[in-house]
Amino acid sequence: VTLLHGLPPQGKNQQPNKIPTKDKIATAPLFTVILQTYNRTDLLLKLLNHYSAIDTVDRIIVVWNNVGETPPIDLWNAYRPHPVRVDFLPQSENRMRNRLRDFREIRTDARSEE
């Protein structure tokens, strides 16, 4: 019998291991997605759609590095409803380290910085 990375062997009368259902995933810890962007609004909207569909995402923070330009909040809001809150945070200077700040909008222990 071959064991696959800690999975117990399956007997004839045993149920196969099941993938967690949406109900079980909902009890998993939530995390915050931090997206930093500069001059890539088209890609940003695709990423927002992707990450907002993940059940364990609490909220998405967009670190907007296009200094002097308005974030595409109206464009994003035109595609309602959104299952996840998205906060656009304009920055005063374009720096790679902007995404590392301790944003007060973060309510989770886990973060994913893209």
PDB file of N, CA and C in Angstrom:
ATOM      1  N   VAL A   1       0.854  -1.175   0.000  1.00  0.00           N
ATOM      2  CA  VAL A   1       0.000   0.000   0.000  1.00  0.00           C
ATOM      3  C   VAL A   1       0.897   1.234   0.000  1.00  0.00           C
ATOM      4  N   THR A   2       0.616   2.170  -0.879  1.00  0.00           N
ATOM      5  CA  THR A   2       1.382   3.405  -0.965  1.00  0.00           C
ATOM      6  C   THR A   2       0.641   4.515  -0.242  1.00  0.00           C
ATOM      7  N   LEU A   3       1.322   5.187   0.662  1.00  0.00           N
ATOM      8  CA  LEU A   3       0.729   6.331   1.358  1.00  0.00           C
ATOM      9  C   LEU A   3       1.126   7.599   0.640  1.00  0.00           C
ATOM     10  N   LEU A   4       0.160   8.451   0.406  1.00  0.00           N
ATOM     11  CA  LEU A   4       0.421   9.720  -0.266  1.00  0.00           C
ATOM     12  C   LEU A   4       0.489  10.841   0.747  1.00  0.00           C
ATOM     13  N   HIS A   5       1.648  11.245   1.079  1.00  0.00           N
ATOM     14  CA  HIS A   5       1.888  12.417   1.926  1.00  0.00           C
ATOM     15  C   HIS A   5       0.973  12.480   3.147  1.00  0.00           C
ATOM     16  N   GLY A   6       0.942  11.395   3.918  1.00  0.00           N
ATOM     17  CA  GLY A   6       0.202  11.413   5.170  1.00  0.00           C
ATOM     18  C   GLY A   6      -1.252  10.980   5.071  1.00  0.00           C
ATOM     19  N   LEU A   7      -1.737  10.644   3.891  1.00  0.00           N
ATOM     20  CA  LEU A   7      -3.127  10.191   3.765  1.00  0.00           C
ATOM     21  C   LEU A   7      -3.202   8.732   4.199  1.00  0.00           C
ATOM     22  N   PRO A   8      -4.217   8.349   4.992  1.00  0.00           N
ATOM     23  CA  PRO A   8      -4.343   6.950   5.396  1.00  0.00           C
ATOM     24  C   PRO A   8      -4.770   6.095   4.213  1.00  0.00           C
ATOM     25  N   PRO A   9      -4.392   4.790   4.215  1.00  0.00           N
ATOM     26  CA  PRO A   9      -4.829   3.921   3.117  1.00  0.00           C
ATOM     27  C   PRO A   9      -6.337   3.747   3.151  1.00  0.00           C
ATOM     28  N   GLN A  10      -6.935   3.545   1.988  1.00  0.00           N
ATOM     29  CA  GLN A  10      -8.379   3.397   1.867  1.00  0.00           C
ATOM     30  C   GLN A  10      -8.732   1.914   1.790  1.00  0.00           C
ATOM     31  N   GLY A  11      -9.597   1.425   2.694  1.00  0.00           N
ATOM     32  CA  GLY A  11     -10.103   0.062   2.635  1.00  0.00           C
ATOM     33  C   GLY A  11     -11.317   0.010   1.731  1.00  0.00           C
ATOM     34  N   LYS A  12     -11.819  -1.203   1.481  1.00  0.00           N
ATOM     35  CA  LYS A  12     -12.968  -1.352   0.593  1.00  0.00           C
ATOM     36  C   LYS A  12     -14.220  -0.680   1.145  1.00  0.00           C
ATOM     37  N   ASN A  13     -14.374  -0.683   2.465  1.00  0.00           N
ATOM     38  CA  ASN A  13     -15.586  -0.146   3.074  1.00  0.00           C
ATOM     39  C   ASN A  13     -15.445   1.315   3.516  1.00  0.00           C
ATOM     40  N   GLN A  14     -14.298   1.918   3.296  1.00  0.00           N
ATOM     41  CA  GLN A  14     -14.087   3.288   3.737  1.00  0.00           C
ATOM     42  C   GLN A  14     -14.491   4.272   2.655  1.00  0.00           C
ATOM     43  N   GLN A  15     -14.983   5.423   3.096  1.00  0.00           N
ATOM     44  CA  GLN A  15     -15.295   6.516   2.175  1.00  0.00           C
ATOM     45  C   GLN A  15     -13.978   7.127   1.696  1.00  0.00           C
ATOM     46  N   PRO A  16     -13.877   7.516   0.432  1.00  0.00           N
ATOM     47  CA  PRO A  16     -12.659   8.199  -0.018  1.00  0.00           C
ATOM     48  C   PRO A  16     -12.537   9.552   0.672  1.00  0.00           C
ATOM     49  N   ASN A  17     -11.296  10.025   0.774  1.00  0.00           N
ATOM     50  CA  ASN A  17     -11.086  11.351   1.362  1.00  0.00           C
ATOM     51  C   ASN A  17     -11.829  12.376   0.528  1.00  0.00           C
ATOM     52  N   LYS A  18     -12.543  13.259   1.207  1.00  0.00           N
ATOM     53  CA  LYS A  18     -13.358  14.244   0.506  1.00  0.00           C
ATOM     54  C   LYS A  18     -12.679  15.601   0.521  1.00  0.00           C
ATOM     55  N   ILE A  19     -12.870  16.328  -0.549  1.00  0.00           N
ATOM     56  CA  ILE A  19     -12.398  17.705  -0.616  1.00  0.00           C
ATOM     57  C   ILE A  19     -13.314  18.546   0.258  1.00  0.00           C
ATOM     58  N   PRO A  20     -12.772  19.490   1.034  1.00  0.00           N
ATOM     59  CA  PRO A  20     -13.631  20.305   1.906  1.00  0.00           C
ATOM     60  C   PRO A  20     -14.726  21.011   1.117  1.00  0.00           C
ATOM     61  N   THR A  21     -15.906  21.008   1.682  1.00  0.00           N
ATOM     62  CA  THR A  21     -17.022  21.704   1.048  1.00  0.00           C
ATOM     63  C   THR A  21     -16.957  23.178   1.381  1.00  0.00           C
ATOM     64  N   LYS A  22     -17.796  23.967   0.727  1.00  0.00           N
ATOM     65  CA  LYS A  22     -17.816  25.404   0.956  1.00  0.00           C
ATOM     66  C   LYS A  22     -18.124  25.718   2.420  1.00  0.00           C
ATOM     67  N   ASP A  23     -18.983  24.900   3.076  1.00  0.00           N
ATOM     68  CA  ASP A  23     -19.300  25.126   4.486  1.00  0.00           C
ATOM     69  C   ASP A  23     -18.069  24.977   5.366  1.00  0.00           C
ATOM     70  N   LYS A  24     -17.234  23.995   5.055  1.00  0.00           N
ATOM     71  CA  LYS A  24     -16.021  23.795   5.854  1.00  0.00           C
ATOM     72  C   LYS A  24     -14.999  24.890   5.586  1.00  0.00           C
ATOM     73  N   ILE A  25     -14.929  25.325   4.346  1.00  0.00           N
ATOM     74  CA  ILE A  25     -13.981  26.383   4.000  1.00  0.00           C
ATOM     75  C   ILE A  25     -14.357  27.683   4.705  1.00  0.00           C
ATOM     76  N   ALA A  26     -15.648  27.926   4.872  1.00  0.00           N
ATOM     77  CA  ALA A  26     -16.108  29.169   5.491  1.00  0.00           C
ATOM     78  C   ALA A  26     -15.595  29.303   6.926  1.00  0.00           C
ATOM     79  N   THR A  27     -15.260  28.187   7.578  1.00  0.00           N
ATOM     80  CA  THR A  27     -14.755  28.257   8.943  1.00  0.00           C
ATOM     81  C   THR A  27     -13.234  28.441   8.969  1.00  0.00           C
ATOM     82  N   ALA A  28     -12.600  28.404   7.817  1.00  0.00           N
ATOM     83  CA  ALA A  28     -11.147  28.596   7.744  1.00  0.00           C
ATOM     84  C   ALA A  28     -10.812  30.046   8.074  1.00  0.00           C
ATOM     85  N   PRO A  29      -9.588  30.291   8.571  1.00  0.00           N
ATOM     86  CA  PRO A  29      -9.192  31.670   8.874  1.00  0.00           C
ATOM     87  C   PRO A  29      -9.206  32.542   7.615  1.00  0.00           C
ATOM     88  N   LEU A  30      -9.598  33.776   7.795  1.00  0.00           N
ATOM     89  CA  LEU A  30      -9.636  34.730   6.685  1.00  0.00           C
ATOM     90  C   LEU A  30      -8.274  35.395   6.521  1.00  0.00           C
ATOM     91  N   PHE A  31      -8.037  35.934   5.319  1.00  0.00           N
ATOM     92  CA  PHE A  31      -6.806  36.673   5.088  1.00  0.00           C
ATOM     93  C   PHE A  31      -7.088  37.907   4.244  1.00  0.00           C
ATOM     94  N   THR A  32      -6.152  38.836   4.286  1.00  0.00           N
ATOM     95  CA  THR A  32      -6.238  40.095   3.546  1.00  0.00           C
ATOM     96  C   THR A  32      -5.291  40.024   2.355  1.00  0.00           C
ATOM     97  N   VAL A  33      -5.781  40.426   1.184  1.00  0.00           N
ATOM     98  CA  VAL A  33      -4.948  40.497  -0.013  1.00  0.00           C
ATOM     99  C   VAL A  33      -4.493  41.939  -0.186  1.00  0.00           C
ATOM    100  N   ILE A  34      -3.189  42.124  -0.364  1.00  0.00           N
ATOM    101  CA  ILE A  34      -2.637  43.457  -0.607  1.00  0.00           C
ATOM    102  C   ILE A  34      -2.060  43.467  -2.018  1.00  0.00           C
ATOM    103  N   LEU A  35      -2.655  44.292  -2.880  1.00  0.00           N
ATOM    104  CA  LEU A  35      -2.215  44.417  -4.267  1.00  0.00           C
ATOM    105  C   LEU A  35      -1.595  45.790  -4.470  1.00  0.00           C
ATOM    106  N   GLN A  36      -0.378  45.808  -4.953  1.00  0.00           N
ATOM    107  CA  GLN A  36       0.271  47.077  -5.279  1.00  0.00           C
ATOM    108  C   GLN A  36       0.252  47.235  -6.793  1.00  0.00           C
ATOM    109  N   THR A  37      -0.118  48.416  -7.261  1.00  0.00           N
ATOM    110  CA  THR A  37      -0.232  48.595  -8.705  1.00  0.00           C
ATOM    111  C   THR A  37       0.307  49.951  -9.147  1.00  0.00           C
ATOM    112  N   TYR A  38       0.738  49.982 -10.401  1.00  0.00           N
ATOM    113  CA  TYR A  38       1.177  51.212 -11.046  1.00  0.00           C
ATOM    114  C   TYR A  38       0.932  51.057 -12.545  1.00  0.00           C
ATOM    115  N   ASN A  39       0.032  51.881 -13.093  1.00  0.00           N
ATOM    116  CA  ASN A  39      -0.263  51.903 -14.533  1.00  0.00           C
ATOM    117  C   ASN A  39      -0.705  50.557 -15.100  1.00  0.00           C
ATOM    118  N   ARG A  40      -1.463  49.763 -14.343  1.00  0.00           N
ATOM    119  CA  ARG A  40      -1.949  48.474 -14.835  1.00  0.00           C
ATOM    120  C   ARG A  40      -3.406  48.266 -14.442  1.00  0.00           C
ATOM    121  N   THR A  41      -4.256  49.229 -14.734  1.00  0.00           N
ATOM    122  CA  THR A  41      -5.655  49.155 -14.328  1.00  0.00           C
ATOM    123  C   THR A  41      -6.353  47.934 -14.906  1.00  0.00           C
ATOM    124  N   ASP A  42      -6.051  47.562 -16.162  1.00  0.00           N
ATOM    125  CA  ASP A  42      -6.682  46.392 -16.778  1.00  0.00           C
ATOM    126  C   ASP A  42      -6.356  45.120 -16.005  1.00  0.00           C
ATOM    127  N   LEU A  43      -5.095  44.932 -15.652  1.00  0.00           N
ATOM    128  CA  LEU A  43      -4.685  43.760 -14.889  1.00  0.00           C
ATOM    129  C   LEU A  43      -5.237  43.824 -13.460  1.00  0.00           C
ATOM    130  N   LEU A  44      -5.279  45.011 -12.887  1.00  0.00           N
ATOM    131  CA  LEU A  44      -5.807  45.175 -11.539  1.00  0.00           C
ATOM    132  C   LEU A  44      -7.255  44.697 -11.452  1.00  0.00           C
ATOM    133  N   LEU A  45      -8.089  45.073 -12.402  1.00  0.00           N
ATOM    134  CA  LEU A  45      -9.496  44.656 -12.386  1.00  0.00           C
ATOM    135  C   LEU A  45      -9.633  43.143 -12.499  1.00  0.00           C
ATOM    136  N   LYS A  46      -8.786  42.513 -13.295  1.00  0.00           N
ATOM    137  CA  LYS A  46      -8.808  41.054 -13.400  1.00  0.00           C
ATOM    138  C   LYS A  46      -8.414  40.414 -12.064  1.00  0.00           C
ATOM    139  N   LEU A  47      -7.387  40.955 -11.424  1.00  0.00           N
ATOM    140  CA  LEU A  47      -6.954  40.420 -10.128  1.00  0.00           C
ATOM    141  C   LEU A  47      -8.014  40.626  -9.053  1.00  0.00           C
ATOM    142  N   LEU A  48      -8.671  41.777  -9.070  1.00  0.00           N
ATOM    143  CA  LEU A  48      -9.735  42.024  -8.100  1.00  0.00           C
ATOM    144  C   LEU A  48     -10.875  41.015  -8.271  1.00  0.00           C
ATOM    145  N   ASN A  49     -11.248  40.735  -9.502  1.00  0.00           N
ATOM    146  CA  ASN A  49     -12.284  39.727  -9.753  1.00  0.00           C
ATOM    147  C   ASN A  49     -11.842  38.357  -9.264  1.00  0.00           C
ATOM    148  N   HIS A  50     -10.591  38.015  -9.522  1.00  0.00           N
ATOM    149  CA  HIS A  50     -10.069  36.718  -9.108  1.00  0.00           C
ATOM    150  C   HIS A  50     -10.074  36.572  -7.584  1.00  0.00           C
ATOM    151  N   TYR A  51      -9.462  37.512  -6.887  1.00  0.00           N
ATOM    152  CA  TYR A  51      -9.320  37.392  -5.434  1.00  0.00           C
ATOM    153  C   TYR A  51     -10.641  37.585  -4.694  1.00  0.00           C
ATOM    154  N   SER A  52     -11.547  38.380  -5.234  1.00  0.00           N
ATOM    155  CA  SER A  52     -12.821  38.587  -4.539  1.00  0.00           C
ATOM    156  C   SER A  52     -13.708  37.344  -4.591  1.00  0.00           C
ATOM    157  N   ALA A  53     -13.381  36.395  -5.455  1.00  0.00           N
ATOM    158  CA  ALA A  53     -14.156  35.151  -5.551  1.00  0.00           C
ATOM    159  C   ALA A  53     -13.679  34.086  -4.558  1.00  0.00           C
ATOM    160  N   ILE A  54     -12.608  34.341  -3.841  1.00  0.00           N
ATOM    161  CA  ILE A  54     -12.073  33.372  -2.884  1.00  0.00           C
ATOM    162  C   ILE A  54     -12.787  33.548  -1.547  1.00  0.00           C
ATOM    163  N   ASP A  55     -13.360  32.461  -1.054  1.00  0.00           N
ATOM    164  CA  ASP A  55     -14.179  32.510   0.164  1.00  0.00           C
ATOM    165  C   ASP A  55     -13.436  32.971   1.407  1.00  0.00           C
ATOM    166  N   THR A  56     -12.148  32.741   1.477  1.00  0.00           N
ATOM    167  CA  THR A  56     -11.410  33.060   2.699  1.00  0.00           C
ATOM    168  C   THR A  56     -10.745  34.437   2.668  1.00  0.00           C
ATOM    169  N   VAL A  57     -11.057  35.233   1.654  1.00  0.00           N
ATOM    170  CA  VAL A  57     -10.529  36.603   1.599  1.00  0.00           C
ATOM    171  C   VAL A  57     -11.454  37.516   2.398  1.00  0.00           C
ATOM    172  N   ASP A  58     -10.897  38.200   3.387  1.00  0.00           N
ATOM    173  CA  ASP A  58     -11.672  39.145   4.199  1.00  0.00           C
ATOM    174  C   ASP A  58     -11.875  40.453   3.453  1.00  0.00           C
ATOM    175  N   ARG A  59     -10.802  40.977   2.900  1.00  0.00           N
ATOM    176  CA  ARG A  59     -10.856  42.212   2.114  1.00  0.00           C
ATOM    177  C   ARG A  59      -9.613  42.314   1.258  1.00  0.00           C
ATOM    178  N   ILE A  60      -9.670  43.233   0.297  1.00  0.00           N
ATOM    179  CA  ILE A  60      -8.545  43.472  -0.606  1.00  0.00           C
ATOM    180  C   ILE A  60      -8.128  44.925  -0.447  1.00  0.00           C
ATOM    181  N   ILE A  61      -6.840  45.141  -0.271  1.00  0.00           N
ATOM    182  CA  ILE A  61      -6.286  46.494  -0.175  1.00  0.00           C
ATOM    183  C   ILE A  61      -5.469  46.741  -1.438  1.00  0.00           C
ATOM    184  N   VAL A  62      -5.826  47.789  -2.173  1.00  0.00           N
ATOM    185  CA  VAL A  62      -5.090  48.164  -3.373  1.00  0.00           C
ATOM    186  C   VAL A  62      -4.189  49.343  -3.017  1.00  0.00           C
ATOM    187  N   VAL A  63      -2.881  49.099  -3.079  1.00  0.00           N
ATOM    188  CA  VAL A  63      -1.898  50.152  -2.837  1.00  0.00           C
ATOM    189  C   VAL A  63      -1.699  50.848  -4.185  1.00  0.00           C
ATOM    190  N   TRP A  64      -2.324  52.019  -4.320  1.00  0.00           N
ATOM    191  CA  TRP A  64      -2.363  52.742  -5.597  1.00  0.00           C
ATOM    192  C   TRP A  64      -1.149  53.653  -5.696  1.00  0.00           C
ATOM    193  N   ASN A  65      -0.155  53.251  -6.507  1.00  0.00           N
ATOM    194  CA  ASN A  65       1.100  53.989  -6.638  1.00  0.00           C
ATOM    195  C   ASN A  65       1.113  54.980  -7.795  1.00  0.00           C
ATOM    196  N   ASN A  66       0.002  55.173  -8.469  1.00  0.00           N
ATOM    197  CA  ASN A  66      -0.068  56.169  -9.549  1.00  0.00           C
ATOM    198  C   ASN A  66      -0.266  57.544  -8.914  1.00  0.00           C
ATOM    199  N   VAL A  67       0.821  58.128  -8.469  1.00  0.00           N
ATOM    200  CA  VAL A  67       0.772  59.412  -7.761  1.00  0.00           C
ATOM    201  C   VAL A  67       0.129  60.479  -8.643  1.00  0.00           C
ATOM    202  N   GLY A  68      -0.866  61.167  -8.094  1.00  0.00           N
ATOM    203  CA  GLY A  68      -1.543  62.233  -8.817  1.00  0.00           C
ATOM    204  C   GLY A  68      -2.703  61.770  -9.682  1.00  0.00           C
ATOM    205  N   GLU A  69      -2.914  60.465  -9.802  1.00  0.00           N
ATOM    206  CA  GLU A  69      -4.023  59.936 -10.585  1.00  0.00           C
ATOM    207  C   GLU A  69      -5.068  59.339  -9.654  1.00  0.00           C
ATOM    208  N   THR A  70      -6.324  59.437 -10.061  1.00  0.00           N
ATOM    209  CA  THR A  70      -7.429  58.919  -9.264  1.00  0.00           C
ATOM    210  C   THR A  70      -7.537  57.407  -9.433  1.00  0.00           C
ATOM    211  N   PRO A  71      -7.662  56.657  -8.338  1.00  0.00           N
ATOM    212  CA  PRO A  71      -7.859  55.204  -8.465  1.00  0.00           C
ATOM    213  C   PRO A  71      -9.178  54.900  -9.186  1.00  0.00           C
ATOM    214  N   PRO A  72      -9.285  53.734  -9.831  1.00  0.00           N
ATOM    215  CA  PRO A  72     -10.484  53.395 -10.609  1.00  0.00           C
ATOM    216  C   PRO A  72     -11.642  52.896  -9.743  1.00  0.00           C
ATOM    217  N   ILE A  73     -11.947  53.634  -8.695  1.00  0.00           N
ATOM    218  CA  ILE A  73     -13.010  53.225  -7.769  1.00  0.00           C
ATOM    219  C   ILE A  73     -14.358  53.176  -8.487  1.00  0.00           C
ATOM    220  N   ASP A  74     -14.677  54.203  -9.269  1.00  0.00           N
ATOM    221  CA  ASP A  74     -15.960  54.238  -9.982  1.00  0.00           C
ATOM    222  C   ASP A  74     -16.081  53.078 -10.967  1.00  0.00           C
ATOM    223  N   LEU A  75     -14.997  52.771 -11.665  1.00  0.00           N
ATOM    224  CA  LEU A  75     -15.004  51.669 -12.615  1.00  0.00           C
ATOM    225  C   LEU A  75     -15.234  50.349 -11.880  1.00  0.00           C
ATOM    226  N   TRP A  76     -14.565  50.139 -10.766  1.00  0.00           N
ATOM    227  CA  TRP A  76     -14.745  48.916  -9.978  1.00  0.00           C
ATOM    228  C   TRP A  76     -16.163  48.820  -9.428  1.00  0.00           C
ATOM    229  N   ASN A  77     -16.692  49.930  -8.923  1.00  0.00           N
ATOM    230  CA  ASN A  77     -18.043  49.928  -8.358  1.00  0.00           C
ATOM    231  C   ASN A  77     -19.125  49.722  -9.416  1.00  0.00           C
ATOM    232  N   ALA A  78     -18.805  49.973 -10.672  1.00  0.00           N
ATOM    233  CA  ALA A  78     -19.773  49.749 -11.746  1.00  0.00           C
ATOM    234  C   ALA A  78     -20.054  48.264 -11.939  1.00  0.00           C
ATOM    235  N   TYR A  79     -19.165  47.412 -11.459  1.00  0.00           N
ATOM    236  CA  TYR A  79     -19.320  45.961 -11.594  1.00  0.00           C
ATOM    237  C   TYR A  79     -19.851  45.327 -10.322  1.00  0.00           C
ATOM    238  N   ARG A  80     -20.828  45.914  -9.696  1.00  0.00           N
ATOM    239  CA  ARG A  80     -21.388  45.391  -8.444  1.00  0.00           C
ATOM    240  C   ARG A  80     -22.267  44.191  -8.706  1.00  0.00           C
ATOM    241  N   PRO A  81     -22.592  43.390  -7.704  1.00  0.00           N
ATOM    242  CA  PRO A  81     -22.146  43.452  -6.322  1.00  0.00           C
ATOM    243  C   PRO A  81     -20.798  42.750  -6.144  1.00  0.00           C
ATOM    244  N   HIS A  82     -20.100  43.116  -5.070  1.00  0.00           N
ATOM    245  CA  HIS A  82     -18.808  42.520  -4.757  1.00  0.00           C
ATOM    246  C   HIS A  82     -18.915  41.763  -3.438  1.00  0.00           C
ATOM    247  N   PRO A  83     -18.464  40.529  -3.418  1.00  0.00           N
ATOM    248  CA  PRO A  83     -18.543  39.757  -2.178  1.00  0.00           C
ATOM    249  C   PRO A  83     -17.501  40.159  -1.144  1.00  0.00           C
ATOM    250  N   VAL A  84     -16.502  40.928  -1.557  1.00  0.00           N
ATOM    251  CA  VAL A  84     -15.394  41.304  -0.682  1.00  0.00           C
ATOM    252  C   VAL A  84     -15.195  42.810  -0.758  1.00  0.00           C
ATOM    253  N   ARG A  85     -14.917  43.418   0.374  1.00  0.00           N
ATOM    254  CA  ARG A  85     -14.631  44.854   0.395  1.00  0.00           C
ATOM    255  C   ARG A  85     -13.263  45.114  -0.237  1.00  0.00           C
ATOM    256  N   VAL A  86     -13.190  46.165  -1.045  1.00  0.00           N
ATOM    257  CA  VAL A  86     -11.942  46.588  -1.676  1.00  0.00           C
ATOM    258  C   VAL A  86     -11.665  48.022  -1.250  1.00  0.00           C
ATOM    259  N   ASP A  87     -10.477  48.242  -0.667  1.00  0.00           N
ATOM    260  CA  ASP A  87     -10.050  49.579  -0.255  1.00  0.00           C
ATOM    261  C   ASP A  87      -8.929  50.037  -1.176  1.00  0.00           C
ATOM    262  N   PHE A  88      -9.140  51.165  -1.859  1.00  0.00           N
ATOM    263  CA  PHE A  88      -8.103  51.776  -2.684  1.00  0.00           C
ATOM    264  C   PHE A  88      -7.367  52.797  -1.827  1.00  0.00           C
ATOM    265  N   LEU A  89      -6.056  52.645  -1.701  1.00  0.00           N
ATOM    266  CA  LEU A  89      -5.264  53.537  -0.858  1.00  0.00           C
ATOM    267  C   LEU A  89      -4.225  54.264  -1.710  1.00  0.00           C
ATOM    268  N   PRO A  90      -4.537  55.501  -2.148  1.00  0.00           N
ATOM    269  CA  PRO A  90      -3.569  56.276  -2.934  1.00  0.00           C
ATOM    270  C   PRO A  90      -2.327  56.594  -2.094  1.00  0.00           C
ATOM    271  N   GLN A  91      -1.171  56.533  -2.733  1.00  0.00           N
ATOM    272  CA  GLN A  91       0.099  56.790  -2.057  1.00  0.00           C
ATOM    273  C   GLN A  91       0.659  58.142  -2.485  1.00  0.00           C
ATOM    274  N   SER A  92       1.451  58.742  -1.613  1.00  0.00           N
ATOM    275  CA  SER A  92       2.028  60.054  -1.918  1.00  0.00           C
ATOM    276  C   SER A  92       3.310  59.940  -2.734  1.00  0.00           C
ATOM    277  N   GLU A  93       3.919  58.749  -2.757  1.00  0.00           N
ATOM    278  CA  GLU A  93       5.092  58.517  -3.598  1.00  0.00           C
ATOM    279  C   GLU A  93       5.097  57.067  -4.074  1.00  0.00           C
ATOM    280  N   ASN A  94       5.690  56.837  -5.242  1.00  0.00           N
ATOM    281  CA  ASN A  94       5.721  55.518  -5.849  1.00  0.00           C
ATOM    282  C   ASN A  94       6.935  54.752  -5.328  1.00  0.00           C
ATOM    283  N   ARG A  95       6.703  53.870  -4.365  1.00  0.00           N
ATOM    284  CA  ARG A  95       7.788  53.082  -3.772  1.00  0.00           C
ATOM    285  C   ARG A  95       7.352  51.625  -3.663  1.00  0.00           C
ATOM    286  N   MET A  96       8.256  50.708  -3.928  1.00  0.00           N
ATOM    287  CA  MET A  96       7.961  49.276  -3.802  1.00  0.00           C
ATOM    288  C   MET A  96       7.589  48.908  -2.373  1.00  0.00           C
ATOM    289  N   ARG A  97       8.148  49.581  -1.415  1.00  0.00           N
ATOM    290  CA  ARG A  97       7.894  49.219  -0.014  1.00  0.00           C
ATOM    291  C   ARG A  97       6.536  49.711   0.506  1.00  0.00           C
ATOM    292  N   ASN A  98       5.787  50.449  -0.306  1.00  0.00           N
ATOM    293  CA  ASN A  98       4.471  50.928   0.130  1.00  0.00           C
ATOM    294  C   ASN A  98       3.562  49.780   0.562  1.00  0.00           C
ATOM    295  N   ARG A  99       3.674  48.626  -0.085  1.00  0.00           N
ATOM    296  CA  ARG A  99       2.806  47.493   0.249  1.00  0.00           C
ATOM    297  C   ARG A  99       3.144  46.884   1.614  1.00  0.00           C
ATOM    298  N   LEU A 100       4.277  47.235   2.180  1.00  0.00           N
ATOM    299  CA  LEU A 100       4.711  46.670   3.457  1.00  0.00           C
ATOM    300  C   LEU A 100       4.248  47.474   4.664  1.00  0.00           C
ATOM    301  N   ARG A 101       3.583  48.586   4.417  1.00  0.00           N
ATOM    302  CA  ARG A 101       3.111  49.415   5.529  1.00  0.00           C
ATOM    303  C   ARG A 101       2.086  48.663   6.367  1.00  0.00           C
ATOM    304  N   ASP A 102       1.914  49.089   7.598  1.00  0.00           N
ATOM    305  CA  ASP A 102       0.930  48.478   8.492  1.00  0.00           C
ATOM    306  C   ASP A 102      -0.388  49.237   8.335  1.00  0.00           C
ATOM    307  N   PHE A 103      -1.188  48.825   7.360  1.00  0.00           N
ATOM    308  CA  PHE A 103      -2.436  49.511   7.050  1.00  0.00           C
ATOM    309  C   PHE A 103      -3.474  49.257   8.134  1.00  0.00           C
ATOM    310  N   ARG A 104      -4.154  50.291   8.567  1.00  0.00           N
ATOM    311  CA  ARG A 104      -5.183  50.147   9.607  1.00  0.00           C
ATOM    312  C   ARG A 104      -6.390  49.377   9.100  1.00  0.00           C
ATOM    313  N   GLU A 105      -6.527  49.242   7.793  1.00  0.00           N
ATOM    314  CA  GLU A 105      -7.646  48.506   7.195  1.00  0.00           C
ATOM    315  C   GLU A 105      -7.504  46.985   7.366  1.00  0.00           C
ATOM    316  N   ILE A 106      -6.324  46.520   7.705  1.00  0.00           N
ATOM    317  CA  ILE A 106      -6.087  45.081   7.857  1.00  0.00           C
ATOM    318  C   ILE A 106      -6.690  44.610   9.172  1.00  0.00           C
ATOM    319  N   ARG A 107      -7.590  43.600   9.087  1.00  0.00           N
ATOM    320  CA  ARG A 107      -8.247  43.079  10.285  1.00  0.00           C
ATOM    321  C   ARG A 107      -7.868  41.618  10.534  1.00  0.00           C
ATOM    322  N   THR A 108      -7.019  41.053   9.713  1.00  0.00           N
ATOM    323  CA  THR A 108      -6.668  39.640   9.824  1.00  0.00           C
ATOM    324  C   THR A 108      -5.196  39.482  10.180  1.00  0.00           C
ATOM    325  N   ASP A 109      -4.858  38.306  10.699  1.00  0.00           N
ATOM    326  CA  ASP A 109      -3.463  38.008  10.994  1.00  0.00           C
ATOM    327  C   ASP A 109      -2.711  37.609   9.734  1.00  0.00           C
ATOM    328  N   ALA A 110      -3.408  36.980   8.794  1.00  0.00           N
ATOM    329  CA  ALA A 110      -2.788  36.493   7.563  1.00  0.00           C
ATOM    330  C   ALA A 110      -2.929  37.514   6.438  1.00  0.00           C
ATOM    331  N   ARG A 111      -1.841  37.651   5.660  1.00  0.00           N
ATOM    332  CA  ARG A 111      -1.833  38.576   4.505  1.00  0.00           C
ATOM    333  C   ARG A 111      -1.230  37.871   3.310  1.00  0.00           C
ATOM    334  N   SER A 112      -1.678  38.251   2.146  1.00  0.00           N
ATOM    335  CA  SER A 112      -1.059  37.817   0.904  1.00  0.00           C
ATOM    336  C   SER A 112      -0.701  39.079   0.149  1.00  0.00           C
ATOM    337  N   GLU A 113       0.588  39.285  -0.048  1.00  0.00           N
ATOM    338  CA  GLU A 113       1.052  40.497  -0.744  1.00  0.00           C
ATOM    339  C   GLU A 113       1.453  40.118  -2.145  1.00  0.00           C
ATOM    340  N   GLU A 114       0.736  40.637  -3.133  1.00  0.00           N
ATOM    341  CA  GLU A 114       0.987  40.320  -4.531  1.00  0.00           C
ATOM    342  C   GLU A 114       1.634  41.492  -5.219  1.00  0.00           C
TER     343      GLU A 114
END
